[in-house]
Structures are given as structure tokens and as C-alpha cells.
Amino acid sequence: MREFVVEADGGSRGNPGPAGYGAVVSDAATGETLAEAAEYIGVATNNVAEYRGLLAGLRAARDLDPEARVHVRMDSKLVIEQMSGRWKIKHPAMKPLAAEAATVFPPGQVTYEWIPRERNTHADRLANEAMDAGKRGEQWSPAASRADLDTPPAVPAPEGPPGDATAGAARVRAAMTSATDGRTTEPRTPGAADGRPAPGGDAGGPASTEDADATASTGRATAGRDTGTSAERPGAGARSDGPDSSAAHRPATDTPASGQPAPARDTPASGKSAPARDIPVTGTGADADRRAAQAVATPSSGWAPADMGAPATFVLLRHGETPLTPQKRFSGSGGSDPSLSDIGREQAEKVAAALARRGTVQAVVASPLARTRETAGIVAARLGLDVAVEEGLRETDFGAWEGLTFGEVRERHPEDLNAWLASPDVEPTGGGESFAATAARVAQARDKLLAAYRGRTVLLVTHVTPIKTLIRLALGAPPEALYRMELSAASLSAVAYYADGNASVRLFNDTSHLR
């Protein structure tokens, strides 16, 4: 089955005012542009123009292949949330447009994702071309369009593993440097007590034990809090559309809120040059990781990495509670392999309902342990999917510490515990698995799954250490970051992996669906 990415945008110079939309259909695997659409629609609001763009993009995708799976990406939070069913539609002009968009493809064939405006430049350019044409008393012409030409090309294929922040940052900077040709461009049209908890496996503590949020026995604690925004959380309360939610599209000569003219700057989003920031990736591994992560996470104003097509998105679900979870006991892959408790099964049902409402998961993969396979089975049954098992997603083997609390381990094996806390290369007592070994295994499983599920959204049902490791690697954070994250039972996190080797953490430790 073919997979398309539809990117759409719309704008109004006045809101309401002269309006237009743009939409582009690309191949999800290659990023190749397959179809473009744009139109000046007269006087309308931003949101109406955005819905018109969505409709045009979906119709263009249907014309190419009515059996294809379609992933819609827009920078309009309102349209994405309404089409995903999380926000109500009250505006009379938008209700029929949304209803029509929902019928272009059968239910289940279309998924929706909000993206920042700087990643929607192709559709944005088409919309502005349409509005410019309308101002001249003309309609948009595909033959005269430069939107595809002005959209930056993809950076070279990655040489390292996806999700490697250090290598990814270096490649982005290299691509930006090679693209520099000395030209400048007009500004883009604006659009719409030490804080480290003791490691604990399946308990949600720093690293990974069924237990060990064992902060009481160590005197160290970390605040675990749900970080998903209301729009990101599954089952977030319905919200009605208020006044137009997107900033109006304005001509390139527009001025920012300060009233001062916007300074011209080089923007690769326009297909022209941008100065590459030279942040060397040298020094110790931890220092290099931190600098690389900063380089990726905080781009200079006015540029964004080239569009890599639809990312592979891993939705990371920690299994539901087992009888050992509330007792805060180490429970890795070398112990009794407990099943879910009644509370854990209830949590799995709630996750399943939330993910069914979201409607974006296309495949389910689980760790081989009983608690993850049971959680995955409950969710997959609700989604109508099968469960694949990946050995590399299993929890760390905690050796002789399996089944013990953190306090009991400290009492019986104090020197081994201190050494383990001090270095990711140290194994637990009795020949368990070090965190360094776990990280290598998890990274290998990640790369295998990325190759198998390119451009798709996959639910990975796994454990505390694998999830924290995937988050750490995506951020380019040092190993000690494992001790600074809280992960609750049945919580959701998410990481998107792009074709250039970079990764973006979208969500972490969201438990809103359990309330």
C-alpha cells in the first residue's frame, strides 16, 4: 500500500481578507513531490482557507491512489485537533468543510499531525503564491510556481544511526554550509538532596526496576510530572473553535509586533543561504553530546532543517502495574516475569481507549516479557492490530537484585550498588546487565525497527530503562540522564526520527489518560 504525506496551509491578509490556500502531496518514503494545488478564494478567514487547503490536498492524494494511506501535516493546531476529533467544531463555515474532508478517504486511512510553521514552508509558499496571484486579478498557475524550487532539498543520507544527536547535528550544519551561496533573501512571510533519584526499573525511577523510585531510602528524589500539553494528550477535553487560531498570512514586507520592519535574514526555508553556526563537536563524549543536542534543539532564528518527509514515530508505552510495582522492587528480565495486576489491566484498557481516539498508531511492537505482552495485547485488540515481539526491548537484567527493594540492595550489597550508581559500565551483583550494555541493545533494536517501520507511527510497549534510553539517545544526553527522569506505569512518551538522522522528543511521561 502506498503512503503519502499531505501538507496544507491557508492564509488571509486581513482575516477575513483576500485569502488563498496551498497543498502538496509527497511520497512518504522518498519525499518526492507528487502533486501541488493552490487557489485564490476571495475574502475568507485563515481557518476557512486552511480547511480549503486540507480538502485540496486530500483530493489530490485520492486522485493519485484512493487506496493509499495518508498522513496530513499542518501548522494549524485548530484544524489538526478538530479533524482528529479532540476539539469540537462550532464555526458554521468550517463544519461542512470538516465533514467533507472526513469523507475523502475511508476512516482509518488518514492520520493527522501538527507541525511547526517552519516545517510547512512548501504549502505556505503555495498559499502566498495564490494570494499574490489574486492580488493581480489572476488565478494561481502551476507553470509559474516556484514553491517547490524554493523549498530546500533534502540533506545527504545519514551515515550514522537514526536518533544520534551528535552525528545528526554535524550533518545538518554541513548541509547548511554547503547550501550557502552568498545570496540573501527577504524575510519569510509570517504565518498564522542532589536531585538524582536512585535507579529503579519498572518502578519508574531513574533507570529501571519495578521499583526503584526508592527515594526514601537514598534521600534523593526527582519530581515526576506529566508533561504532555492538552493538545498532545490522548483524550484531552474537547475544545470549541474560538476566533481564528492562526496568525494571518501577510506580505513579505509586513512588520512584527514591535512595529519595526523585520530584518532580512538568510533562510534555508526559502531555498537560499543561511550562515551555519559553528558549534564544534569536540572534547569529552558527554560534552560533545550536550553541544550537539543544543545545536539541534535551538536553531538560530529564521531557518529550519530541510523537510525529510514523514518521520518514523515511536510512541513509547510503559507497561501497566504488576504486583511488584507499588512495592518498588527491582523487576527486570532476569526475575520472576510477573503479569499485570488488576490495576495494571485497567491502566492498559485506559491507554487503549486513548490511543483509539487518537487514531494514529499503525503497528504495535512489544518486549517479550509477560507484563509488556499483556499490555500490548489489550491495546492492540482495541486498535485491531497484531502484536510483534522485539527481544531488544526487554528490561535490564538486574541479576541478584531482582525482587529486592532499593533499601534491601543497599543493605546487602552496598559496595556493588555504589559502583553501579557511579558508572553505566558496572553490572549489578551476580552478573546482571549494565546500563551501557542495555543502551547498546536498545539502540540496535531501535535501528532495526526504524528500518522496518520507516515513516510510520509505531507503539512500542516496553519498560523503564529502554524508554529512558531511547529518550536519552534522542536528546544526545549523557548516561547520567537516566537518573533524572521519572517514568510512571502506563505512561506515554514519543520520539520522531527523521531521515537525516535527527530525532525529536515529542512527549514524555504523559499519564493524562489515566485520570
Protein backbone atom coordinates (compact mmCIF):
# COMPACT_ATOMS: atom_id res chain seq x y z
CA MET A 1 0.00 0.00 0.00
CA ARG A 2 1.36 3.43 -0.97
CA GLU A 3 1.81 6.09 1.69
CA PHE A 4 1.51 9.82 1.03
CA VAL A 5 2.24 12.91 3.09
CA VAL A 6 -0.17 15.80 2.58
CA GLU A 7 0.97 19.24 3.76
CA ALA A 8 -1.56 22.04 3.55
CA ASP A 9 -1.83 25.67 4.56
CA GLY A 10 -4.09 28.63 4.08
CA GLY A 11 -3.90 32.31 4.83
CA SER A 12 -5.87 35.53 4.83
CA ARG A 13 -4.42 39.01 4.52
CA GLY A 14 -6.85 40.71 6.82
CA ASN A 15 -8.63 37.77 8.47
CA PRO A 16 -11.12 38.00 6.96
CA GLY A 17 -9.48 39.34 3.85
CA PRO A 18 -8.05 38.22 0.50
CA ALA A 19 -7.31 34.54 1.08
CA GLY A 20 -5.73 31.53 -0.57
CA TYR A 21 -4.55 28.04 0.17
CA GLY A 22 -1.76 25.70 -0.85
CA ALA A 23 -1.34 21.94 -0.61
CA VAL A 24 1.36 19.49 -1.63
CA VAL A 25 1.33 15.69 -1.82
CA SER A 26 4.64 13.85 -1.48
CA ASP A 27 5.76 10.25 -1.36
CA ALA A 28 6.23 9.26 2.29
CA ALA A 29 9.21 7.04 1.50
CA THR A 30 11.20 9.26 -0.85
CA GLY A 31 9.92 12.79 -0.14
CA GLU A 32 9.31 13.31 -3.88
CA THR A 33 6.67 15.93 -4.67
CA LEU A 34 3.80 14.20 -6.48
CA ALA A 35 1.17 16.95 -6.74
CA GLU A 36 0.62 20.60 -5.87
CA ALA A 37 -2.59 22.61 -5.53
CA ALA A 38 -3.24 26.27 -4.77
CA GLU A 39 -6.11 28.70 -5.28
CA TYR A 40 -7.11 32.25 -4.52
CA ILE A 41 -10.55 32.00 -2.86
CA GLY A 42 -11.55 35.63 -2.40
CA VAL A 43 -12.35 37.05 1.01
CA ALA A 44 -12.24 34.45 3.79
CA THR A 45 -10.72 33.77 7.22
CA ASN A 46 -7.46 31.95 7.92
CA ASN A 47 -9.20 28.84 9.19
CA VAL A 48 -11.56 28.56 6.23
CA ALA A 49 -8.57 28.88 3.91
CA GLU A 50 -6.72 26.21 5.89
CA TYR A 51 -9.65 23.80 5.60
CA ARG A 52 -9.85 24.51 1.86
CA GLY A 53 -6.15 23.64 1.62
CA LEU A 54 -6.72 20.41 3.52
CA LEU A 55 -9.54 19.43 1.18
CA ALA A 56 -7.45 20.18 -1.90
CA GLY A 57 -4.54 18.11 -0.57
CA LEU A 58 -6.73 15.12 0.30
CA ARG A 59 -8.42 15.21 -3.09
CA ALA A 60 -5.07 15.38 -4.87
CA ALA A 61 -3.87 12.36 -2.86
CA ARG A 62 -7.06 10.46 -3.69
CA ASP A 63 -6.59 11.19 -7.39
CA LEU A 64 -3.13 9.63 -7.17
CA ASP A 65 -4.24 6.49 -5.29
CA PRO A 66 -7.58 6.13 -3.47
CA GLU A 67 -6.20 3.11 -1.56
CA ALA A 68 -3.18 4.93 -0.14
CA ARG A 69 -2.54 5.72 3.49
CA VAL A 70 -2.30 9.48 4.03
CA HIS A 71 -0.51 11.39 6.77
CA VAL A 72 -1.66 15.03 6.95
CA ARG A 73 0.71 17.60 8.42
CA MET A 74 -0.38 21.19 9.04
CA ASP A 75 0.73 24.07 11.25
CA SER A 76 -2.89 24.85 12.16
CA LYS A 77 -3.44 23.38 15.62
CA LEU A 78 -7.15 24.06 15.28
CA VAL A 79 -7.62 22.08 12.06
CA ILE A 80 -5.48 19.16 13.25
CA GLU A 81 -7.24 18.88 16.62
CA GLN A 82 -10.70 19.19 15.08
CA MET A 83 -10.02 16.62 12.35
CA SER A 84 -8.53 14.28 14.96
CA GLY A 85 -11.78 14.54 16.93
CA ARG A 86 -10.25 16.13 20.01
CA TRP A 87 -11.78 19.60 19.57
CA LYS A 88 -15.37 20.45 18.73
CA ILE A 89 -16.30 22.34 15.57
CA LYS A 90 -18.78 25.15 16.15
CA HIS A 91 -17.97 27.67 13.44
CA PRO A 92 -20.72 27.34 10.78
CA ALA A 93 -18.33 27.96 7.87
CA MET A 94 -15.96 25.21 8.98
CA LYS A 95 -18.44 22.43 9.82
CA PRO A 96 -19.26 21.49 6.20
CA LEU A 97 -15.60 21.73 5.18
CA ALA A 98 -14.55 19.39 8.00
CA ALA A 99 -17.36 16.98 7.20
CA GLU A 100 -16.37 16.91 3.54
CA ALA A 101 -12.68 16.38 4.39
CA ALA A 102 -13.61 13.40 6.56
CA THR A 103 -15.23 11.65 3.59
CA VAL A 104 -12.45 11.98 1.01
CA PHE A 105 -10.80 8.78 2.29
CA PRO A 106 -12.36 5.97 4.34
CA PRO A 107 -11.97 6.24 8.14
CA GLY A 108 -8.63 4.91 9.33
CA GLN A 109 -6.72 5.73 6.15
CA VAL A 110 -5.82 9.28 7.20
CA THR A 111 -3.79 10.39 10.22
CA TYR A 112 -3.10 13.96 11.36
CA GLU A 113 -0.05 15.65 12.86
CA TRP A 114 0.59 19.24 13.90
CA ILE A 115 3.98 20.62 12.81
CA PRO A 116 5.67 23.99 13.44
CA ARG A 117 5.18 26.56 10.70
CA GLU A 118 8.83 26.44 9.65
CA ARG A 119 8.32 22.82 8.62
CA ASN A 120 5.34 23.67 6.42
CA THR A 121 7.16 26.01 4.05
CA HIS A 122 6.17 24.36 0.76
CA ALA A 123 2.42 24.65 1.38
CA ASP A 124 2.91 28.12 2.87
CA ARG A 125 4.66 29.30 -0.30
CA LEU A 126 1.87 27.91 -2.45
CA ALA A 127 -0.74 29.74 -0.37
CA ASN A 128 1.17 33.01 -0.70
CA GLU A 129 1.60 32.49 -4.43
CA ALA A 130 -2.17 32.04 -4.71
CA MET A 131 -2.83 35.24 -2.73
CA ASP A 132 -0.28 37.15 -4.81
CA ALA A 133 -1.99 35.93 -7.98
CA GLY A 134 -5.37 37.02 -6.64
CA LYS A 135 -3.99 40.47 -5.94
CA ARG A 136 -3.02 40.70 -9.62
CA GLY A 137 -6.52 39.61 -10.64
CA GLU A 138 -5.28 36.19 -11.71
CA GLN A 139 -5.51 32.61 -10.52
CA TRP A 140 -2.51 30.56 -9.41
CA SER A 141 -0.69 28.78 -12.24
CA PRO A 142 1.33 25.58 -11.67
CA ALA A 143 3.61 26.55 -14.56
CA ALA A 144 4.58 29.82 -12.84
CA SER A 145 5.01 28.35 -9.36
CA ARG A 146 8.39 28.38 -7.65
CA ALA A 147 7.23 26.89 -4.36
CA ASP A 148 8.89 23.53 -4.97
CA LEU A 149 12.07 25.14 -6.29
CA ASP A 150 12.31 27.48 -3.31
CA THR A 151 11.84 24.65 -0.81
CA PRO A 152 15.28 23.41 0.32
CA PRO A 153 16.40 19.97 -0.87
CA ALA A 154 16.89 17.07 1.50
CA VAL A 155 20.26 16.86 3.22
CA PRO A 156 22.54 13.94 2.32
CA ALA A 157 21.64 10.46 3.54
CA PRO A 158 22.72 9.82 7.15
CA GLU A 159 25.88 7.88 7.79
CA GLY A 160 25.20 7.07 11.43
CA PRO A 161 22.23 5.54 13.22
CA PRO A 162 18.95 7.47 13.36
CA GLY A 163 18.49 9.33 16.63
CA ASP A 164 22.22 10.02 17.04
CA ALA A 165 22.06 13.69 18.04
CA THR A 166 25.79 14.31 17.71
CA ALA A 167 26.09 12.97 14.18
CA GLY A 168 22.75 14.45 13.17
CA ALA A 169 23.72 17.94 14.29
CA ALA A 170 27.01 17.73 12.41
CA ARG A 171 25.24 16.66 9.22
CA VAL A 172 22.71 19.48 9.45
CA ARG A 173 25.48 22.05 9.87
CA ALA A 174 27.41 20.53 6.94
CA ALA A 175 24.32 20.64 4.73
CA MET A 176 23.68 24.26 5.66
CA THR A 177 27.28 25.22 4.94
CA SER A 178 27.26 23.52 1.53
CA ALA A 179 24.00 25.28 0.63
CA THR A 180 25.41 28.76 1.28
CA ASP A 181 25.85 30.68 -1.97
CA GLY A 182 26.31 34.20 -0.68
CA ARG A 183 22.80 35.35 -1.56
CA THR A 184 20.35 36.93 0.85
CA THR A 185 16.61 36.70 0.85
CA GLU A 186 13.66 38.72 2.01
CA PRO A 187 12.23 37.80 5.38
CA ARG A 188 9.68 34.99 5.15
CA THR A 189 6.04 35.87 5.24
CA PRO A 190 4.90 35.43 8.82
CA GLY A 191 2.15 32.88 9.28
CA ALA A 192 -0.53 32.04 11.20
CA ALA A 193 19.14 16.34 48.00
CA ASP A 194 21.23 16.35 44.87
CA GLY A 195 18.22 15.96 42.63
CA ARG A 196 19.23 12.50 41.42
CA PRO A 197 16.91 9.65 42.43
CA ALA A 198 18.16 6.15 42.85
CA PRO A 199 17.74 3.99 39.77
CA GLY A 200 14.59 1.98 39.67
CA GLY A 201 13.48 -0.39 36.98
CA ASP A 202 9.86 -0.87 36.45
CA ALA A 203 9.03 1.36 39.34
CA GLY A 204 9.58 4.43 37.23
CA GLY A 205 12.66 5.68 39.00
CA PRO A 206 15.72 6.87 37.22
CA ALA A 207 16.87 3.86 35.48
CA SER A 208 14.85 0.83 35.80
CA THR A 209 13.49 -1.52 38.34
CA GLU A 210 9.92 -2.42 39.07
CA ASP A 211 10.72 -0.47 41.99
CA ALA A 212 13.03 1.88 42.44
CA ASP A 213 11.72 5.18 42.83
CA ALA A 214 13.48 4.26 46.06
CA THR A 215 13.99 7.83 47.04
CA ALA A 216 13.01 7.35 50.64
CA SER A 217 15.98 5.11 51.35
CA THR A 218 18.51 7.26 49.49
CA GLY A 219 17.40 10.74 50.39
CA ARG A 220 17.39 11.62 46.71
CA ALA A 221 14.29 12.49 44.76
CA THR A 222 13.10 13.75 41.47
CA ALA A 223 9.78 15.32 40.59
CA GLY A 224 7.79 13.15 38.22
CA ARG A 225 5.18 15.15 36.40
CA ASP A 226 3.03 14.73 33.33
CA THR A 227 4.38 16.92 30.57
CA GLY A 228 2.01 16.42 27.68
CA THR A 229 0.11 19.51 26.63
CA SER A 230 -3.65 19.33 26.46
CA ALA A 231 -3.49 19.09 22.70
CA GLU A 232 -0.93 16.28 22.80
CA ARG A 233 -2.55 14.20 25.47
CA PRO A 234 -4.82 11.41 24.40
CA GLY A 235 -8.37 12.12 25.43
CA ALA A 236 -7.81 15.78 26.12
CA GLY A 237 -11.04 17.61 26.73
CA ALA A 238 -12.93 18.77 23.67
CA ARG A 239 -12.41 22.38 22.81
CA SER A 240 -14.52 24.57 20.61
CA ASP A 241 -13.01 26.78 17.97
CA GLY A 242 -12.82 30.35 19.04
CA PRO A 243 -11.67 33.25 16.95
CA ASP A 244 -9.29 32.43 14.15
CA SER A 245 -6.45 30.50 15.75
CA SER A 246 -3.69 31.13 13.25
CA ALA A 247 -1.79 34.35 12.68
CA ALA A 248 -2.79 35.94 9.38
CA HIS A 249 -0.51 35.43 6.42
CA ARG A 250 0.94 38.78 5.49
CA PRO A 251 3.03 40.07 2.65
CA ALA A 252 6.80 39.78 2.91
CA THR A 253 7.08 43.46 3.81
CA ASP A 254 4.99 43.03 6.95
CA THR A 255 6.28 44.27 10.28
CA PRO A 256 6.45 42.38 13.56
CA ALA A 257 4.50 43.31 16.67
CA SER A 258 7.28 45.67 17.71
CA GLY A 259 6.33 47.97 14.83
CA GLN A 260 9.89 47.84 13.46
CA PRO A 261 10.47 46.43 9.98
CA ALA A 262 11.53 42.78 10.08
CA PRO A 263 15.25 42.46 9.30
CA ALA A 264 16.17 40.48 6.20
CA ARG A 265 17.80 37.21 7.07
CA ASP A 266 19.09 34.19 5.22
CA THR A 267 16.59 31.36 5.46
CA PRO A 268 17.15 27.91 4.05
CA ALA A 269 13.35 27.60 4.28
CA SER A 270 13.29 29.76 1.17
CA GLY A 271 15.88 27.65 -0.61
CA LYS A 272 18.61 30.25 -0.12
CA SER A 273 21.57 30.66 2.13
CA ALA A 274 21.90 30.70 5.89
CA PRO A 275 25.03 31.09 7.94
CA ALA A 276 25.89 27.84 9.67
CA ARG A 277 26.66 28.16 13.34
CA ASP A 278 29.96 26.50 14.06
CA ILE A 279 29.42 24.63 17.30
CA PRO A 280 32.31 22.16 17.36
CA VAL A 281 31.54 18.66 18.50
CA THR A 282 34.80 18.00 20.28
CA GLY A 283 36.02 17.30 23.77
CA THR A 284 34.65 14.60 26.02
CA GLY A 285 31.78 12.43 24.84
CA ALA A 286 29.35 13.93 27.34
CA ASP A 287 30.35 17.50 26.41
CA ALA A 288 30.03 16.73 22.71
CA ASP A 289 26.62 15.15 23.24
CA ARG A 290 25.36 18.21 25.10
CA ARG A 291 26.67 20.64 22.47
CA ALA A 292 25.21 18.60 19.65
CA ALA A 293 21.83 18.39 21.34
CA GLN A 294 21.88 22.15 21.89
CA ALA A 295 22.74 22.76 18.24
CA VAL A 296 19.78 20.70 17.09
CA ALA A 297 17.30 21.90 19.68
CA THR A 298 17.96 25.64 19.42
CA PRO A 299 18.32 26.65 15.77
CA SER A 300 19.01 30.29 15.04
CA SER A 301 16.03 32.45 14.13
CA GLY A 302 14.79 32.13 10.60
CA TRP A 303 16.00 28.72 9.48
CA ALA A 304 14.89 25.15 9.90
CA PRO A 305 16.27 21.80 8.75
CA ALA A 306 15.11 20.60 5.35
CA ASP A 307 11.88 18.63 5.26
CA MET A 308 12.73 14.95 5.49
CA GLY A 309 9.26 13.61 4.73
CA ALA A 310 7.14 11.76 7.27
CA PRO A 311 9.23 10.70 10.27
CA ALA A 312 9.06 7.31 11.90
CA THR A 313 7.36 7.99 15.22
CA PHE A 314 7.78 5.66 18.19
CA VAL A 315 5.03 6.04 20.75
CA LEU A 316 6.61 4.59 23.89
CA LEU A 317 4.26 2.92 26.36
CA ARG A 318 5.49 1.67 29.69
CA HIS A 319 3.52 -1.43 30.69
CA GLY A 320 0.81 -1.30 33.36
CA GLU A 321 1.40 -2.07 37.02
CA THR A 322 2.35 -5.53 38.26
CA PRO A 323 2.15 -6.68 41.91
CA LEU A 324 5.79 -5.59 42.29
CA THR A 325 5.31 -2.02 41.03
CA PRO A 326 3.77 -0.44 44.17
CA GLN A 327 6.31 -2.32 46.30
CA LYS A 328 9.12 -0.60 44.35
CA ARG A 329 11.11 -3.76 43.70
CA PHE A 330 13.70 -4.41 41.03
CA SER A 331 11.94 -6.35 38.31
CA GLY A 332 13.96 -6.75 35.16
CA SER A 333 14.34 -9.51 32.62
CA GLY A 334 16.12 -11.90 34.97
CA GLY A 335 13.45 -12.27 37.64
CA SER A 336 10.00 -13.81 38.08
CA ASP A 337 8.45 -12.15 34.99
CA PRO A 338 5.23 -11.02 36.70
CA SER A 339 1.96 -10.43 34.86
CA LEU A 340 -0.20 -7.34 35.23
CA SER A 341 -2.22 -6.74 38.37
CA ASP A 342 -5.90 -5.81 38.18
CA ILE A 343 -4.85 -2.16 38.36
CA GLY A 344 -2.36 -2.73 35.55
CA ARG A 345 -5.01 -4.26 33.30
CA GLU A 346 -7.32 -1.33 34.00
CA GLN A 347 -4.49 1.05 33.08
CA ALA A 348 -3.93 -0.84 29.82
CA GLU A 349 -7.62 -0.52 28.94
CA LYS A 350 -7.46 3.24 29.51
CA VAL A 351 -4.38 3.55 27.31
CA ALA A 352 -6.11 1.51 24.62
CA ALA A 353 -9.15 3.80 24.66
CA ALA A 354 -6.97 6.92 24.47
CA LEU A 355 -4.90 5.61 21.56
CA ALA A 356 -8.05 4.50 19.74
CA ARG A 357 -9.39 8.06 20.00
CA ARG A 358 -6.12 9.42 18.69
CA GLY A 359 -6.17 7.02 15.74
CA THR A 360 -2.53 7.38 14.70
CA VAL A 361 -0.90 4.08 15.71
CA GLN A 362 -0.21 1.83 12.70
CA ALA A 363 1.66 -1.07 14.34
CA VAL A 364 2.32 -2.50 17.82
CA VAL A 365 5.64 -3.99 18.98
CA ALA A 366 6.27 -5.34 22.49
CA SER A 367 9.07 -6.57 24.71
CA PRO A 368 8.96 -10.37 25.19
CA LEU A 369 8.22 -10.12 28.93
CA ALA A 370 4.75 -11.06 30.19
CA ARG A 371 3.74 -7.64 31.51
CA THR A 372 4.50 -5.88 28.22
CA ARG A 373 2.94 -8.56 26.03
CA GLU A 374 -0.23 -8.43 28.14
CA THR A 375 -0.37 -4.63 27.97
CA ALA A 376 0.28 -4.69 24.23
CA GLY A 377 -2.38 -7.35 23.67
CA ILE A 378 -5.06 -5.24 25.36
CA VAL A 379 -4.14 -2.15 23.33
CA ALA A 380 -3.74 -3.99 20.03
CA ALA A 381 -7.13 -5.69 20.39
CA ARG A 382 -8.77 -2.27 20.75
CA LEU A 383 -6.89 -0.95 17.70
CA GLY A 384 -7.48 -4.01 15.54
CA LEU A 385 -3.75 -4.68 15.17
CA ASP A 386 -1.41 -7.63 15.75
CA VAL A 387 1.48 -7.58 18.23
CA ALA A 388 5.05 -8.16 17.07
CA VAL A 389 7.69 -9.05 19.67
CA GLU A 390 11.15 -7.47 19.72
CA GLU A 391 13.72 -9.07 22.05
CA GLY A 392 15.80 -5.91 22.21
CA LEU A 393 13.01 -4.04 24.07
CA ARG A 394 13.25 -6.21 27.21
CA GLU A 395 14.09 -4.68 30.56
CA THR A 396 17.62 -4.70 32.05
CA ASP A 397 18.65 -7.88 33.88
CA PHE A 398 19.23 -6.86 37.50
CA GLY A 399 20.99 -10.06 38.50
CA ALA A 400 20.88 -10.88 42.22
CA TRP A 401 18.89 -7.69 42.87
CA GLU A 402 15.75 -8.99 41.15
CA GLY A 403 12.78 -8.87 43.51
CA LEU A 404 14.58 -6.72 46.11
CA THR A 405 13.83 -3.14 47.10
CA PHE A 406 16.49 -0.48 46.75
CA GLY A 407 16.92 -0.43 50.53
CA GLU A 408 17.43 -4.18 50.63
CA VAL A 409 20.08 -3.98 47.91
CA ARG A 410 21.88 -1.18 49.77
CA GLU A 411 21.87 -3.27 52.93
CA ARG A 412 23.09 -6.49 51.30
CA HIS A 413 25.38 -5.22 48.52
CA PRO A 414 26.43 -1.66 49.42
CA GLU A 415 29.73 -1.61 47.52
CA ASP A 416 28.24 -3.15 44.39
CA LEU A 417 25.35 -0.68 44.49
CA ASN A 418 27.63 2.35 44.86
CA ALA A 419 29.79 1.19 41.96
CA TRP A 420 26.68 0.61 39.83
CA LEU A 421 25.37 4.08 40.59
CA ALA A 422 28.72 5.61 39.69
CA SER A 423 29.21 4.01 36.25
CA PRO A 424 26.93 2.79 33.44
CA ASP A 425 29.50 0.08 32.68
CA VAL A 426 29.09 -1.71 36.03
CA GLU A 427 26.82 -4.74 36.25
CA PRO A 428 24.51 -5.48 39.20
CA THR A 429 25.60 -8.15 41.68
CA GLY A 430 25.54 -11.66 40.29
CA GLY A 431 26.24 -10.90 36.64
CA GLY A 432 23.27 -8.79 35.60
CA GLU A 433 23.29 -6.33 32.70
CA SER A 434 25.00 -2.92 32.82
CA PHE A 435 23.18 0.16 31.60
CA ALA A 436 25.85 0.53 28.89
CA ALA A 437 25.02 -2.95 27.60
CA THR A 438 21.30 -2.16 27.79
CA ALA A 439 21.82 1.05 25.79
CA ALA A 440 23.71 -0.82 23.04
CA ARG A 441 20.96 -3.43 22.83
CA VAL A 442 18.18 -0.84 22.77
CA ALA A 443 19.96 1.24 20.09
CA GLN A 444 20.30 -1.86 17.92
CA ALA A 445 16.59 -2.65 18.35
CA ARG A 446 15.74 0.98 17.54
CA ASP A 447 17.66 0.88 14.28
CA LYS A 448 16.07 -2.44 13.31
CA LEU A 449 12.57 -1.09 13.96
CA LEU A 450 13.25 2.18 12.13
CA ALA A 451 14.25 0.21 9.05
CA ALA A 452 11.11 -1.92 9.30
CA TYR A 453 8.63 0.93 10.00
CA ARG A 454 10.00 3.84 8.00
CA GLY A 455 7.66 6.84 8.05
CA ARG A 456 5.06 5.09 10.24
CA THR A 457 3.74 5.56 13.77
CA VAL A 458 4.52 2.52 15.92
CA LEU A 459 3.55 1.78 19.51
CA LEU A 460 6.47 0.24 21.42
CA VAL A 461 5.30 -1.40 24.66
CA THR A 462 8.34 -1.75 26.85
CA HIS A 463 9.94 -0.86 30.20
CA VAL A 464 11.52 2.00 32.12
CA THR A 465 15.15 1.53 31.06
CA PRO A 466 14.51 1.07 27.31
CA ILE A 467 12.17 4.08 27.21
CA LYS A 468 14.54 6.34 29.13
CA THR A 469 17.41 5.13 26.96
CA LEU A 470 15.55 5.99 23.75
CA ILE A 471 14.76 9.45 25.15
CA ARG A 472 18.37 9.95 26.27
CA LEU A 473 19.81 8.95 22.90
CA ALA A 474 17.35 11.16 21.03
CA LEU A 475 18.39 14.14 23.15
CA GLY A 476 22.10 13.39 22.93
CA ALA A 477 22.16 13.38 26.74
CA PRO A 478 24.85 11.65 28.83
CA PRO A 479 24.21 8.32 30.61
CA GLU A 480 23.54 10.01 33.95
CA ALA A 481 20.37 11.49 32.43
CA LEU A 482 18.74 8.14 33.26
CA TYR A 483 18.78 9.20 36.90
CA ARG A 484 16.98 12.46 36.19
CA MET A 485 13.79 11.14 34.60
CA GLU A 486 10.60 9.89 36.21
CA LEU A 487 8.51 7.37 34.28
CA SER A 488 5.11 6.20 35.56
CA ALA A 489 3.37 2.91 34.89
CA ALA A 490 1.23 3.01 31.72
CA SER A 491 2.68 6.40 30.73
CA LEU A 492 3.14 7.54 27.12
CA SER A 493 6.20 9.17 25.58
CA ALA A 494 7.01 9.77 21.91
CA VAL A 495 10.07 10.29 19.70
CA ALA A 496 10.05 11.16 15.98
CA TYR A 497 13.02 10.01 13.87
CA TYR A 498 13.87 11.83 10.63
CA ALA A 499 15.69 10.63 7.55
CA ASP A 500 18.69 12.91 8.22
CA GLY A 501 19.48 11.06 11.46
CA ASN A 502 17.99 13.61 13.84
CA ALA A 503 15.31 12.87 16.39
CA SER A 504 12.70 14.98 18.18
CA VAL A 505 11.22 14.13 21.59
CA ARG A 506 7.52 14.94 21.27
CA LEU A 507 6.11 13.72 24.59
CA PHE A 508 7.37 12.34 27.89
CA ASN A 509 5.64 10.56 30.82
CA ASP A 510 2.11 11.58 29.86
CA THR A 511 -0.47 9.99 32.17
CA SER A 512 -3.46 12.21 31.42
CA HIS A 513 -5.34 9.21 30.00
CA LEU A 514 -5.29 7.51 33.43
CA ARG A 515 -7.16 10.29 35.24
